[in-house]
PDB file of N, CA and C in Angstrom:
ATOM      1  N   UNK A   1       5.073 147.708  14.534  1.00  0.00           N
ATOM      2  CA  UNK A   1       5.226 148.518  13.187  1.00  0.00           C
ATOM      3  C   UNK A   1       6.529 149.586  13.628  1.00  0.00           C
ATOM      4  N   UNK A   2       7.312 149.850  12.810  1.00  0.00           N
ATOM      5  CA  UNK A   2       8.549 150.672  13.009  1.00  0.00           C
ATOM      6  C   UNK A   2       8.362 151.886  12.085  1.00  0.00           C
ATOM      7  N   UNK A   3       8.362 153.149  12.828  1.00  0.00           N
ATOM      8  CA  UNK A   3       8.241 154.459  12.226  1.00  0.00           C
ATOM      9  C   UNK A   3       9.837 155.056  12.310  1.00  0.00           C
ATOM     10  N   UNK A   4       9.931 155.714  11.182  1.00  0.00           N
ATOM     11  CA  UNK A   4      11.259 156.345  11.073  1.00  0.00           C
ATOM     12  C   UNK A   4      10.940 157.816  11.446  1.00  0.00           C
ATOM     13  N   UNK A   5      11.978 158.241  12.432  1.00  0.00           N
ATOM     14  CA  UNK A   5      11.785 159.736  12.829  1.00  0.00           C
ATOM     15  C   UNK A   5      12.337 160.808  11.920  1.00  0.00           C
ATOM     16  N   UNK A   6      13.437 160.382  11.244  1.00  0.00           N
ATOM     17  CA  UNK A   6      14.064 161.374  10.367  1.00  0.00           C
ATOM     18  C   UNK A   6      13.256 161.325   9.086  1.00  0.00           C
ATOM     19  N   UNK A   7      13.333 162.511   8.283  1.00  0.00           N
ATOM     20  CA  UNK A   7      12.621 162.457   6.989  1.00  0.00           C
ATOM     21  C   UNK A   7      13.358 161.803   5.917  1.00  0.00           C
ATOM     22  N   UNK A   8      14.588 161.704   5.902  1.00  0.00           N
ATOM     23  CA  UNK A   8      15.421 161.154   4.965  1.00  0.00           C
ATOM     24  C   UNK A   8      16.596 160.338   5.373  1.00  0.00           C
ATOM     25  N   UNK A   9      16.986 159.247   4.835  1.00  0.00           N
ATOM     26  CA  UNK A   9      18.226 158.531   5.183  1.00  0.00           C
ATOM     27  C   UNK A   9      19.449 159.325   5.010  1.00  0.00           C
ATOM     28  N   UNK A  10      20.486 159.032   5.719  1.00  0.00           N
ATOM     29  CA  UNK A  10      21.914 159.840   5.434  1.00  0.00           C
ATOM     30  C   UNK A  10      22.379 159.600   4.150  1.00  0.00           C
ATOM     31  N   UNK A  11      23.073 160.575   3.570  1.00  0.00           N
ATOM     32  CA  UNK A  11      23.632 160.389   2.189  1.00  0.00           C
ATOM     33  C   UNK A  11      24.746 159.328   2.256  1.00  0.00           C
ATOM     34  N   UNK A  12      25.258 158.948   1.074  1.00  0.00           N
ATOM     35  CA  UNK A  12      26.320 157.977   1.126  1.00  0.00           C
ATOM     36  C   UNK A  12      27.425 158.581   1.729  1.00  0.00           C
ATOM     37  N   UNK A  13      27.767 159.679   1.247  1.00  0.00           N
ATOM     38  CA  UNK A  13      28.819 160.498   1.808  1.00  0.00           C
ATOM     39  C   UNK A  13      28.937 160.598   3.357  1.00  0.00           C
ATOM     40  N   UNK A  14      27.700 160.910   3.724  1.00  0.00           N
ATOM     41  CA  UNK A  14      27.759 161.056   5.328  1.00  0.00           C
ATOM     42  C   UNK A  14      27.799 159.655   5.854  1.00  0.00           C
ATOM     43  N   UNK A  15      27.305 158.707   5.235  1.00  0.00           N
ATOM     44  CA  UNK A  15      27.580 157.342   5.784  1.00  0.00           C
ATOM     45  C   UNK A  15      28.987 156.891   5.918  1.00  0.00           C
ATOM     46  N   UNK A  16      29.681 157.263   4.954  1.00  0.00           N
ATOM     47  CA  UNK A  16      31.174 156.947   4.830  1.00  0.00           C
ATOM     48  C   UNK A  16      32.006 157.725   5.856  1.00  0.00           C
ATOM     49  N   UNK A  17      31.630 159.025   5.888  1.00  0.00           N
ATOM     50  CA  UNK A  17      32.178 159.752   6.878  1.00  0.00           C
ATOM     51  C   UNK A  17      31.881 159.338   8.371  1.00  0.00           C
ATOM     52  N   UNK A  18      30.801 159.010   8.743  1.00  0.00           N
ATOM     53  CA  UNK A  18      30.342 158.392  10.077  1.00  0.00           C
ATOM     54  C   UNK A  18      31.301 157.234  10.381  1.00  0.00           C
ATOM     55  N   UNK A  19      31.584 156.442   9.303  1.00  0.00           N
ATOM     56  CA  UNK A  19      32.270 155.263   9.467  1.00  0.00           C
ATOM     57  C   UNK A  19      33.765 155.623   9.875  1.00  0.00           C
ATOM     58  N   UNK A  20      34.284 156.602   9.150  1.00  0.00           N
ATOM     59  CA  UNK A  20      35.646 157.241   9.318  1.00  0.00           C
ATOM     60  C   UNK A  20      35.774 157.766  10.762  1.00  0.00           C
ATOM     61  N   UNK A  21      34.904 158.515  11.113  1.00  0.00           N
ATOM     62  CA  UNK A  21      34.842 159.183  12.502  1.00  0.00           C
ATOM     63  C   UNK A  21      34.831 157.959  13.599  1.00  0.00           C
ATOM     64  N   UNK A  22      33.994 156.947  13.370  1.00  0.00           N
ATOM     65  CA  UNK A  22      33.931 155.941  14.420  1.00  0.00           C
ATOM     66  C   UNK A  22      35.246 154.988  14.358  1.00  0.00           C
ATOM     67  N   UNK A  23      35.904 154.963  13.210  1.00  0.00           N
ATOM     68  CA  UNK A  23      37.133 154.241  13.174  1.00  0.00           C
ATOM     69  C   UNK A  23      38.188 154.963  13.869  1.00  0.00           C
ATOM     70  N   UNK A  24      38.005 156.264  13.738  1.00  0.00           N
ATOM     71  CA  UNK A  24      39.322 157.086  14.321  1.00  0.00           C
ATOM     72  C   UNK A  24      39.121 157.113  15.714  1.00  0.00           C
ATOM     73  N   UNK A  25      37.758 157.247  16.369  1.00  0.00           N
ATOM     74  CA  UNK A  25      37.539 157.041  17.566  1.00  0.00           C
ATOM     75  C   UNK A  25      37.921 155.848  18.301  1.00  0.00           C
ATOM     76  N   UNK A  26      37.711 154.744  17.485  1.00  0.00           N
ATOM     77  CA  UNK A  26      38.223 153.618  18.076  1.00  0.00           C
ATOM     78  C   UNK A  26      39.645 153.443  18.265  1.00  0.00           C
ATOM     79  N   UNK A  27      40.354 153.950  17.144  1.00  0.00           N
ATOM     80  CA  UNK A  27      41.890 153.847  17.167  1.00  0.00           C
ATOM     81  C   UNK A  27      42.310 154.764  18.364  1.00  0.00           C
ATOM     82  N   UNK A  28      41.847 155.844  18.733  1.00  0.00           N
ATOM     83  CA  UNK A  28      42.291 156.658  19.591  1.00  0.00           C
ATOM     84  C   UNK A  28      42.107 155.734  21.065  1.00  0.00           C
ATOM     85  N   UNK A  29      40.930 155.175  21.243  1.00  0.00           N
ATOM     86  CA  UNK A  29      40.769 154.337  22.398  1.00  0.00           C
ATOM     87  C   UNK A  29      41.446 153.401  22.692  1.00  0.00           C
ATOM     88  N   UNK A  30      41.854 152.606  21.554  1.00  0.00           N
ATOM     89  CA  UNK A  30      42.850 151.420  21.523  1.00  0.00           C
ATOM     90  C   UNK A  30      44.103 151.923  22.011  1.00  0.00           C
ATOM     91  N   UNK A  31      44.486 153.150  21.496  1.00  0.00           N
ATOM     92  CA  UNK A  31      45.814 153.547  21.792  1.00  0.00           C
ATOM     93  C   UNK A  31      46.002 153.918  23.236  1.00  0.00           C
ATOM     94  N   UNK A  32      44.988 154.282  23.902  1.00  0.00           N
ATOM     95  CA  UNK A  32      45.007 154.582  25.204  1.00  0.00           C
ATOM     96  C   UNK A  32      45.281 153.476  26.192  1.00  0.00           C
ATOM     97  N   UNK A  33      44.968 152.338  25.582  1.00  0.00           N
ATOM     98  CA  UNK A  33      45.289 151.062  26.384  1.00  0.00           C
ATOM     99  C   UNK A  33      46.837 150.807  26.752  1.00  0.00           C
ATOM    100  N   UNK A  34      47.698 151.496  25.827  1.00  0.00           N
ATOM    101  CA  UNK A  34      48.891 151.515  26.019  1.00  0.00           C
ATOM    102  C   UNK A  34      49.600 152.462  27.107  1.00  0.00           C
ATOM    103  N   UNK A  35      48.834 153.213  27.641  1.00  0.00           N
ATOM    104  CA  UNK A  35      49.232 154.217  28.742  1.00  0.00           C
ATOM    105  C   UNK A  35      49.193 153.440  29.997  1.00  0.00           C
ATOM    106  N   UNK A  36      50.447 153.582  30.520  1.00  0.00           N
ATOM    107  CA  UNK A  36      50.632 152.630  31.692  1.00  0.00           C
ATOM    108  C   UNK A  36      49.890 153.030  33.080  1.00  0.00           C
ATOM    109  N   UNK A  37      49.786 154.408  33.134  1.00  0.00           N
ATOM    110  CA  UNK A  37      49.084 154.933  34.463  1.00  0.00           C
ATOM    111  C   UNK A  37      47.622 154.899  34.239  1.00  0.00           C
ATOM    112  N   UNK A  38      46.955 154.369  35.133  1.00  0.00           N
ATOM    113  CA  UNK A  38      45.484 154.188  34.915  1.00  0.00           C
ATOM    114  C   UNK A  38      44.845 155.579  34.984  1.00  0.00           C
ATOM    115  N   UNK A  39      45.200 156.406  35.916  1.00  0.00           N
ATOM    116  CA  UNK A  39      44.663 157.882  36.046  1.00  0.00           C
ATOM    117  C   UNK A  39      44.872 158.594  34.843  1.00  0.00           C
ATOM    118  N   UNK A  40      46.135 158.423  34.244  1.00  0.00           N
ATOM    119  CA  UNK A  40      46.375 159.180  32.898  1.00  0.00           C
ATOM    120  C   UNK A  40      45.677 158.595  31.896  1.00  0.00           C
ATOM    121  N   UNK A  41      45.390 157.420  31.845  1.00  0.00           N
ATOM    122  CA  UNK A  41      44.745 156.694  30.819  1.00  0.00           C
ATOM    123  C   UNK A  41      43.098 157.127  30.831  1.00  0.00           C
ATOM    124  N   UNK A  42      42.455 157.117  32.060  1.00  0.00           N
ATOM    125  CA  UNK A  42      41.200 157.758  32.281  1.00  0.00           C
ATOM    126  C   UNK A  42      41.008 159.140  31.736  1.00  0.00           C
ATOM    127  N   UNK A  43      42.035 159.954  32.103  1.00  0.00           N
ATOM    128  CA  UNK A  43      41.930 161.371  31.812  1.00  0.00           C
ATOM    129  C   UNK A  43      42.087 161.663  30.247  1.00  0.00           C
ATOM    130  N   UNK A  44      42.889 160.688  29.805  1.00  0.00           N
ATOM    131  CA  UNK A  44      42.998 160.690  28.182  1.00  0.00           C
ATOM    132  C   UNK A  44      41.853 160.499  27.540  1.00  0.00           C
ATOM    133  N   UNK A  45      41.239 159.190  28.013  1.00  0.00           N
ATOM    134  CA  UNK A  45      40.080 158.780  27.392  1.00  0.00           C
ATOM    135  C   UNK A  45      38.774 159.931  27.526  1.00  0.00           C
ATOM    136  N   UNK A  46      38.680 160.435  28.558  1.00  0.00           N
ATOM    137  CA  UNK A  46      37.636 161.596  28.881  1.00  0.00           C
ATOM    138  C   UNK A  46      37.962 162.656  27.993  1.00  0.00           C
ATOM    139  N   UNK A  47      39.259 163.039  27.670  1.00  0.00           N
ATOM    140  CA  UNK A  47      39.738 164.136  26.948  1.00  0.00           C
ATOM    141  C   UNK A  47      39.184 163.890  25.475  1.00  0.00           C
ATOM    142  N   UNK A  48      39.518 162.595  24.930  1.00  0.00           N
ATOM    143  CA  UNK A  48      39.207 162.058  23.663  1.00  0.00           C
ATOM    144  C   UNK A  48      37.837 162.117  23.362  1.00  0.00           C
ATOM    145  N   UNK A  49      36.971 161.665  24.310  1.00  0.00           N
ATOM    146  CA  UNK A  49      35.445 161.554  24.261  1.00  0.00           C
ATOM    147  C   UNK A  49      34.864 162.748  24.251  1.00  0.00           C
ATOM    148  N   UNK A  50      35.462 163.844  24.931  1.00  0.00           N
ATOM    149  CA  UNK A  50      34.924 165.105  24.960  1.00  0.00           C
ATOM    150  C   UNK A  50      35.052 165.751  23.520  1.00  0.00           C
ATOM    151  N   UNK A  51      36.289 165.658  23.040  1.00  0.00           N
ATOM    152  CA  UNK A  51      36.528 166.229  21.865  1.00  0.00           C
ATOM    153  C   UNK A  51      35.544 165.729  20.723  1.00  0.00           C
ATOM    154  N   UNK A  52      35.216 164.364  20.732  1.00  0.00           N
ATOM    155  CA  UNK A  52      34.525 163.827  19.780  1.00  0.00           C
ATOM    156  C   UNK A  52      33.152 164.278  19.928  1.00  0.00           C
ATOM    157  N   UNK A  53      32.757 164.310  21.236  1.00  0.00           N
ATOM    158  CA  UNK A  53      31.298 164.905  21.324  1.00  0.00           C
ATOM    159  C   UNK A  53      31.066 166.411  21.277  1.00  0.00           C
ATOM    160  N   UNK A  54      32.178 167.093  21.421  1.00  0.00           N
ATOM    161  CA  UNK A  54      32.038 168.510  21.123  1.00  0.00           C
ATOM    162  C   UNK A  54      31.704 168.733  19.475  1.00  0.00           C
ATOM    163  N   UNK A  55      32.016 167.815  18.520  1.00  0.00           N
ATOM    164  CA  UNK A  55      31.756 168.067  17.176  1.00  0.00           C
ATOM    165  C   UNK A  55      30.584 167.050  16.875  1.00  0.00           C
ATOM    166  N   UNK A  56      30.082 166.470  17.665  1.00  0.00           N
ATOM    167  CA  UNK A  56      28.985 165.432  17.235  1.00  0.00           C
ATOM    168  C   UNK A  56      27.814 165.876  16.416  1.00  0.00           C
ATOM    169  N   UNK A  57      27.477 167.137  16.450  1.00  0.00           N
ATOM    170  CA  UNK A  57      26.354 167.815  15.632  1.00  0.00           C
ATOM    171  C   UNK A  57      26.878 168.428  14.310  1.00  0.00           C
ATOM    172  N   UNK A  58      28.135 168.075  14.087  1.00  0.00           N
ATOM    173  CA  UNK A  58      28.766 168.967  12.900  1.00  0.00           C
ATOM    174  C   UNK A  58      28.098 168.245  11.649  1.00  0.00           C
ATOM    175  N   UNK A  59      27.595 169.058  10.529  1.00  0.00           N
ATOM    176  CA  UNK A  59      26.925 168.306   9.577  1.00  0.00           C
ATOM    177  C   UNK A  59      27.490 168.747   8.273  1.00  0.00           C
ATOM    178  N   UNK A  60      28.431 169.791   8.183  1.00  0.00           N
ATOM    179  CA  UNK A  60      29.142 170.173   7.065  1.00  0.00           C
ATOM    180  C   UNK A  60      30.215 169.150   6.587  1.00  0.00           C
ATOM    181  N   UNK A  61      29.904 168.542   5.447  1.00  0.00           N
ATOM    182  CA  UNK A  61      30.865 167.372   5.215  1.00  0.00           C
ATOM    183  C   UNK A  61      32.294 167.862   4.941  1.00  0.00           C
ATOM    184  N   UNK A  62      32.546 169.036   4.631  1.00  0.00           N
ATOM    185  CA  UNK A  62      34.018 169.625   4.442  1.00  0.00           C
ATOM    186  C   UNK A  62      34.620 169.881   5.821  1.00  0.00           C
ATOM    187  N   UNK A  63      33.767 170.492   6.761  1.00  0.00           N
ATOM    188  CA  UNK A  63      34.233 170.627   7.984  1.00  0.00           C
ATOM    189  C   UNK A  63      34.602 169.213   8.629  1.00  0.00           C
ATOM    190  N   UNK A  64      33.714 168.317   8.582  1.00  0.00           N
ATOM    191  CA  UNK A  64      34.034 167.021   9.014  1.00  0.00           C
ATOM    192  C   UNK A  64      35.450 166.532   8.529  1.00  0.00           C
ATOM    193  N   UNK A  65      35.699 166.498   7.147  1.00  0.00           N
ATOM    194  CA  UNK A  65      36.859 166.190   6.641  1.00  0.00           C
ATOM    195  C   UNK A  65      37.956 166.915   7.239  1.00  0.00           C
ATOM    196  N   UNK A  66      38.044 168.137   7.457  1.00  0.00           N
ATOM    197  CA  UNK A  66      38.869 168.946   8.084  1.00  0.00           C
ATOM    198  C   UNK A  66      39.310 168.376   9.699  1.00  0.00           C
ATOM    199  N   UNK A  67      38.068 168.083  10.249  1.00  0.00           N
ATOM    200  CA  UNK A  67      38.280 167.546  11.532  1.00  0.00           C
ATOM    201  C   UNK A  67      38.922 166.175  11.745  1.00  0.00           C
ATOM    202  N   UNK A  68      38.487 165.305  10.584  1.00  0.00           N
ATOM    203  CA  UNK A  68      39.117 164.040  10.430  1.00  0.00           C
ATOM    204  C   UNK A  68      40.623 164.058  10.303  1.00  0.00           C
ATOM    205  N   UNK A  69      40.983 165.120   9.339  1.00  0.00           N
ATOM    206  CA  UNK A  69      42.518 165.361   9.134  1.00  0.00           C
ATOM    207  C   UNK A  69      43.208 165.784  10.321  1.00  0.00           C
ATOM    208  N   UNK A  70      42.619 166.613  11.149  1.00  0.00           N
ATOM    209  CA  UNK A  70      43.277 167.161  12.320  1.00  0.00           C
ATOM    210  C   UNK A  70      43.413 165.944  13.404  1.00  0.00           C
ATOM    211  N   UNK A  71      42.308 165.091  13.429  1.00  0.00           N
ATOM    212  CA  UNK A  71      42.281 163.903  14.442  1.00  0.00           C
ATOM    213  C   UNK A  71      43.456 162.985  13.939  1.00  0.00           C
ATOM    214  N   UNK A  72      43.572 162.737  12.573  1.00  0.00           N
ATOM    215  CA  UNK A  72      44.763 161.826  12.097  1.00  0.00           C
ATOM    216  C   UNK A  72      45.938 162.354  12.580  1.00  0.00           C
ATOM    217  N   UNK A  73      46.188 163.732  12.524  1.00  0.00           N
ATOM    218  CA  UNK A  73      47.703 164.347  12.894  1.00  0.00           C
ATOM    219  C   UNK A  73      47.724 164.032  14.450  1.00  0.00           C
ATOM    220  N   UNK A  74      46.636 164.423  15.112  1.00  0.00           N
ATOM    221  CA  UNK A  74      46.872 164.246  16.652  1.00  0.00           C
ATOM    222  C   UNK A  74      47.065 162.755  16.944  1.00  0.00           C
ATOM    223  N   UNK A  75      46.369 161.886  16.324  1.00  0.00           N
ATOM    224  CA  UNK A  75      46.571 160.408  16.655  1.00  0.00           C
ATOM    225  C   UNK A  75      48.203 160.153  16.365  1.00  0.00           C
ATOM    226  N   UNK A  76      48.682 160.507  15.271  1.00  0.00           N
ATOM    227  CA  UNK A  76      50.193 160.250  15.118  1.00  0.00           C
ATOM    228  C   UNK A  76      51.036 160.942  16.225  1.00  0.00           C
ATOM    229  N   UNK A  77      50.696 162.070  16.620  1.00  0.00           N
ATOM    230  CA  UNK A  77      51.460 162.687  17.637  1.00  0.00           C
ATOM    231  C   UNK A  77      51.227 161.955  18.942  1.00  0.00           C
ATOM    232  N   UNK A  78      50.191 161.536  19.265  1.00  0.00           N
ATOM    233  CA  UNK A  78      49.906 160.754  20.458  1.00  0.00           C
ATOM    234  C   UNK A  78      50.396 159.590  20.471  1.00  0.00           C
ATOM    235  N   UNK A  79      50.625 158.757  19.420  1.00  0.00           N
ATOM    236  CA  UNK A  79      51.122 157.500  19.094  1.00  0.00           C
ATOM    237  C   UNK A  79      52.616 157.531  19.341  1.00  0.00           C
ATOM    238  N   UNK A  80      53.018 158.521  18.786  1.00  0.00           N
ATOM    239  CA  UNK A  80      54.533 158.681  19.165  1.00  0.00           C
ATOM    240  C   UNK A  80      54.928 159.045  20.410  1.00  0.00           C
ATOM    241  N   UNK A  81      54.002 159.660  21.184  1.00  0.00           N
ATOM    242  CA  UNK A  81      54.154 160.060  22.573  1.00  0.00           C
ATOM    243  C   UNK A  81      53.930 158.828  23.469  1.00  0.00           C
ATOM    244  N   UNK A  82      52.979 158.041  23.156  1.00  0.00           N
ATOM    245  CA  UNK A  82      52.718 156.852  24.053  1.00  0.00           C
ATOM    246  C   UNK A  82      53.815 155.857  23.933  1.00  0.00           C
ATOM    247  N   UNK A  83      54.347 155.745  22.576  1.00  0.00           N
ATOM    248  CA  UNK A  83      55.400 154.829  22.389  1.00  0.00           C
ATOM    249  C   UNK A  83      56.654 155.242  23.277  1.00  0.00           C
ATOM    250  N   UNK A  84      56.956 156.601  23.410  1.00  0.00           N
ATOM    251  CA  UNK A  84      57.995 156.974  24.016  1.00  0.00           C
ATOM    252  C   UNK A  84      57.973 156.859  25.520  1.00  0.00           C
ATOM    253  N   UNK A  85      56.646 156.645  26.101  1.00  0.00           N
ATOM    254  CA  UNK A  85      56.327 156.419  27.536  1.00  0.00           C
ATOM    255  C   UNK A  85      56.740 155.056  27.981  1.00  0.00           C
ATOM    256  N   UNK A  86      56.690 153.999  27.001  1.00  0.00           N
ATOM    257  CA  UNK A  86      56.899 152.735  27.283  1.00  0.00           C
ATOM    258  C   UNK A  86      58.355 152.386  27.522  1.00  0.00           C
TER     259      UNK A  86
END
């Protein structure tokens, strides 16, 4: 028998935002594969993971949208930086 610990399922908006956050996290992690130095790659992955974990408990949908927009800008900056290292 399966019991549900939370009182209500997440809203559709929350479900969609969660998917966007996971997609952004995966994009960052894939981007780190292009970093040639293994030490720098590990440090970068730890930094990314720490940033995502810092906001793990954020529940305000508007704040999550702001954080996603910031992450998107940071991704673009990081992407251009990684390509310049190659």
